[in-house]
Each structure stands twice: as C-alpha cells, then as structure tokens.
Amino acid sequence: MLVNMKQMLDEARRGGWSVGFFNAVNVEMARAVIETAEAMRAPVIVGTAEILLPAMSLEHVAEYLIPMAKKASVPVAVHYDHGLTFEKCMEALKLGFTSVMFDCSMSPYENNLANVSQMVRICHAMGATVEAELGHVGDNFGAGRLANPSDYYTDPAMARDFVGRTQVDALAVAVGNAHGDYKFPPKLDFDRISEIARVTGKPLVLHGGSGLSDDDFREAARRGICKVNIFTDLDKAGRRGAEAGLQAGANTLMELMPYEIDAMKAVVREKIALFGSEGKA
C-alpha cells in the first residue's frame, strides 16, 4: 500500500528499529526491494534522488514505482531524496511521491529553515512528509568530499530549534557518515545521535548507509536513527548479479535480469533483518 513515511518512522522511533530507504532507478531494483519487503512483512521506502535522475527521469521513476507501491501488501513510501530545488520537489509531489527531502543543508541556516518551513506547509497540506538535513553529509568521492567533515556535524541545539520551527517530519544528520564507498571504516558519533534524538523527539535519518558495519547499524537504531539510506550496496549487487549471469552463460538482457534481481534481493534481505524492520508491517 502506498503511504507516506510518518507512521512507519514514528513506530520505528518508539521501537528502536529502522526502516530502509532504497533508491530504485529501474524496475529490477524496485522489484528486488518491494518483493523482499513483502516476503519479510517489512515496511519499506523506495525512490530516487536528484543526483540519480540522469539514470532515469523523475517521471519515468514515478510511472513504475507508484503503481508497484499501491499494489504492495506492505506499507511502501515513495520518497524523492536530496531534492535540491523547490521546482523538482513540486514535480515529485505532483507525480505522486508521498515524501520529499528538500536538501538546503549547504544554505545559510535561516535560508534552510525558511525553505524547509515552506515545503512542510505545502507537503502536509497534500498528505506528504518532509525530510530535511541539518549539518551536511559529504561524499567519499568527487566534488562533495569535505576536507573537515566534523565542521559540518549536526549541532543538537540547532537541531532542536530547526525542528521546532519547521515541524519537519524527519531530520537527516551529519554524524561521521558520508555518501558512497567508505575508503576507511567510519566512526559515527553515537552520543551526538542520542542527544539530537532526545532534544528533537523526531525520527533521525542516516545517509550513506552502504558500507557501515552491522554493529554501527544496530547501535544507530538504538540511539534514534529511524531511516537508513542504501544505494551503493544495492547498485553493486546488481552488477555482481549481472557478472554471475554472464559467467553462467546468459547472453541476453532478459536472461541476466533474474541474476540481477536475486543478487539485489540478498542485499535487501540482509538490510531489513539488520535494521530490525522484519515483521513490522
């Protein structure tokens, strides 16, 4: 069933577990995520991010994700992640996405607050949820790499003010995490997570979940992380599946698809079990 994120994240916060958000830039990815969530009776979040739109347009993502979410036997939120412009977030809402992240984290604080507040008013009127980011989660590669990531960590006092004034539904935090492949094991600031969760009373979001250890995930959920974003692990699993198919003698795209889906399902199963959301639907 197609839902927004509010109920599932609120339940996760109360129960000390997390919901997985998986970017699904084609139908095979979407099938791997939703079919696994159904088999495990787990709520799940699927969608895409603005940086991924070159792979598949927002309109085309909506064409397969919205119907698949509606038909699913478990709650499925369809989320537009890291929306960088008001216009693209509005496009996602008009296409049927039930949640958006309006990422103004690199703007001055008052601009971030004003922009997110406006988005919250619009989305709540439409029955959709809003995620924002405070601090900034950089990349492990490319132009988004930060020289001193700790300079951009989320400040708990600022988070309390931000959440209170915007009434945002979920807050992405910068606590030692980063997007993409980790070159070295990350060191998450768990005490910071706990403090932000305590002072805001809101579900917190961990971006850059691919590559973290099992213990990191469990501890983060215990401390207040209610949504974990996964893409790199899923993307790489699809590639491994295709490689296995080629080695097994598959020589058409149709023959490769089952290998890709099975490999991605294995990742989704692992993450859902690890996040503690199995059986929560």
Foldseek 3Di string as FASTA:
>chain_A
DEAACQPLLLVLQVVLFAAEEEEDLDVLLLCLQLVLCLVLVFEHEYEHEPVCCVSPHLLRRLVRNVVVQVPGPHYYAYEYEADADPVVVVVNVVSPHQEYEHEPQVPPLVVQLVVLLVVQVVNVVVNHAYEYEHFDAFAPDDPRDDPDSVVRFHDLVSLLVSCVRRVHQEYETRFFAHADEDPDATDGPLVRLLSNCVSNVHAYEYERPPPHDLVVLSSSSNSHHHYYYDYRQLVVQLVVLQVVQVVVPDDDPVSSSVSSSVSSSVVSNVVCVSRVRRPVD
